Amino acid sequence: MTARQIIEARLGRKLPPAAQMRPDERRAVVLLAMQLIKQRRET
């Protein structure tokens, strides 16, 4: 699952396109994506 899909599942709603996201939503997606990439590299 992508970071976007994980956050959408937890929120229970679709996120808008990145350009229309609120700054906190965009930051959450970016930080989770970075965490997932880092985790994938370690395994």
N, C-alpha and C. Protein backbone atom coordinates (compact mmCIF):
# COMPACT_ATOMS: atom_id res chain seq x y z
N MET A 1 0.84 -1.19 0.00
CA MET A 1 0.00 0.00 0.00
C MET A 1 0.88 1.25 0.00
N THR A 2 0.39 2.27 -0.66
CA THR A 2 1.12 3.53 -0.67
C THR A 2 0.77 4.33 0.59
N ALA A 3 1.57 5.34 0.85
CA ALA A 3 1.31 6.21 2.00
C ALA A 3 -0.08 6.84 1.88
N ARG A 4 -0.42 7.27 0.68
CA ARG A 4 -1.73 7.89 0.44
C ARG A 4 -2.85 6.89 0.77
N GLN A 5 -2.71 5.66 0.32
CA GLN A 5 -3.74 4.65 0.55
C GLN A 5 -3.89 4.34 2.04
N ILE A 6 -2.77 4.28 2.75
CA ILE A 6 -2.81 4.02 4.20
C ILE A 6 -3.54 5.14 4.92
N ILE A 7 -3.20 6.38 4.59
CA ILE A 7 -3.85 7.51 5.27
C ILE A 7 -5.33 7.58 4.91
N GLU A 8 -5.66 7.35 3.64
CA GLU A 8 -7.08 7.36 3.24
C GLU A 8 -7.86 6.28 3.98
N ALA A 9 -7.26 5.10 4.16
CA ALA A 9 -7.93 4.02 4.87
C ALA A 9 -8.17 4.39 6.33
N ARG A 10 -7.19 5.03 6.93
CA ARG A 10 -7.33 5.43 8.34
C ARG A 10 -8.34 6.56 8.51
N LEU A 11 -8.36 7.47 7.56
CA LEU A 11 -9.32 8.59 7.63
C LEU A 11 -10.73 8.17 7.24
N GLY A 12 -10.82 7.17 6.37
CA GLY A 12 -12.12 6.73 5.88
C GLY A 12 -12.66 7.62 4.78
N ARG A 13 -11.79 8.36 4.12
CA ARG A 13 -12.20 9.22 3.00
C ARG A 13 -11.03 9.38 2.05
N LYS A 14 -11.36 9.78 0.82
CA LYS A 14 -10.34 10.03 -0.18
C LYS A 14 -9.68 11.38 0.08
N LEU A 15 -8.39 11.44 -0.19
CA LEU A 15 -7.69 12.72 -0.10
C LEU A 15 -7.77 13.42 -1.45
N PRO A 16 -7.77 14.73 -1.44
CA PRO A 16 -7.78 15.48 -2.70
C PRO A 16 -6.42 15.34 -3.39
N PRO A 17 -6.31 15.79 -4.64
CA PRO A 17 -5.01 15.79 -5.31
C PRO A 17 -3.99 16.57 -4.47
N ALA A 18 -2.72 16.23 -4.63
CA ALA A 18 -1.67 16.83 -3.80
C ALA A 18 -1.70 18.36 -3.82
N ALA A 19 -1.96 18.94 -4.97
CA ALA A 19 -1.96 20.40 -5.07
C ALA A 19 -3.09 21.04 -4.26
N GLN A 20 -4.13 20.28 -3.96
CA GLN A 20 -5.28 20.82 -3.24
C GLN A 20 -5.33 20.38 -1.77
N MET A 21 -4.35 19.58 -1.35
CA MET A 21 -4.32 19.12 0.04
C MET A 21 -3.97 20.25 0.98
N ARG A 22 -4.47 20.14 2.20
CA ARG A 22 -4.05 21.07 3.24
C ARG A 22 -2.59 20.75 3.58
N PRO A 23 -1.85 21.72 4.06
CA PRO A 23 -0.43 21.48 4.36
C PRO A 23 -0.19 20.32 5.34
N ASP A 24 -1.05 20.17 6.34
CA ASP A 24 -0.85 19.07 7.29
C ASP A 24 -1.11 17.72 6.65
N GLU A 25 -2.06 17.63 5.74
CA GLU A 25 -2.32 16.38 5.03
C GLU A 25 -1.14 16.02 4.12
N ARG A 26 -0.65 17.01 3.42
CA ARG A 26 0.48 16.78 2.51
C ARG A 26 1.71 16.33 3.30
N ARG A 27 1.95 16.97 4.42
CA ARG A 27 3.09 16.61 5.27
C ARG A 27 2.95 15.18 5.80
N ALA A 28 1.76 14.80 6.19
CA ALA A 28 1.53 13.44 6.70
C ALA A 28 1.83 12.41 5.61
N VAL A 29 1.40 12.66 4.39
CA VAL A 29 1.66 11.73 3.29
C VAL A 29 3.16 11.63 3.02
N VAL A 30 3.83 12.76 2.99
CA VAL A 30 5.27 12.78 2.71
C VAL A 30 6.04 12.06 3.80
N LEU A 31 5.74 12.35 5.06
CA LEU A 31 6.46 11.71 6.15
C LEU A 31 6.23 10.20 6.19
N LEU A 32 5.00 9.78 5.95
CA LEU A 32 4.72 8.35 5.93
C LEU A 32 5.41 7.68 4.75
N ALA A 33 5.42 8.33 3.61
CA ALA A 33 6.11 7.78 2.44
C ALA A 33 7.59 7.62 2.73
N MET A 34 8.20 8.60 3.36
CA MET A 34 9.63 8.50 3.70
C MET A 34 9.88 7.36 4.66
N GLN A 35 8.99 7.19 5.63
CA GLN A 35 9.12 6.11 6.60
C GLN A 35 9.00 4.75 5.91
N LEU A 36 8.06 4.62 4.97
CA LEU A 36 7.88 3.36 4.26
C LEU A 36 9.09 3.04 3.39
N ILE A 37 9.66 4.04 2.74
CA ILE A 37 10.84 3.83 1.91
C ILE A 37 12.02 3.40 2.77
N LYS A 38 12.21 4.06 3.89
CA LYS A 38 13.31 3.72 4.80
C LYS A 38 13.15 2.30 5.32
N GLN A 39 11.93 1.95 5.68
CA GLN A 39 11.64 0.61 6.19
C GLN A 39 11.91 -0.45 5.10
N ARG A 40 11.54 -0.16 3.87
CA ARG A 40 11.73 -1.10 2.77
C ARG A 40 13.23 -1.32 2.50
N ARG A 41 14.04 -0.26 2.64
CA ARG A 41 15.48 -0.37 2.40
C ARG A 41 16.17 -1.23 3.46
N GLU A 42 15.65 -1.23 4.67
CA GLU A 42 16.26 -1.97 5.78
C GLU A 42 15.96 -3.47 5.70
N THR A 43 14.96 -3.87 4.96
CA THR A 43 14.61 -5.29 4.90
C THR A 43 15.19 -5.95 3.68
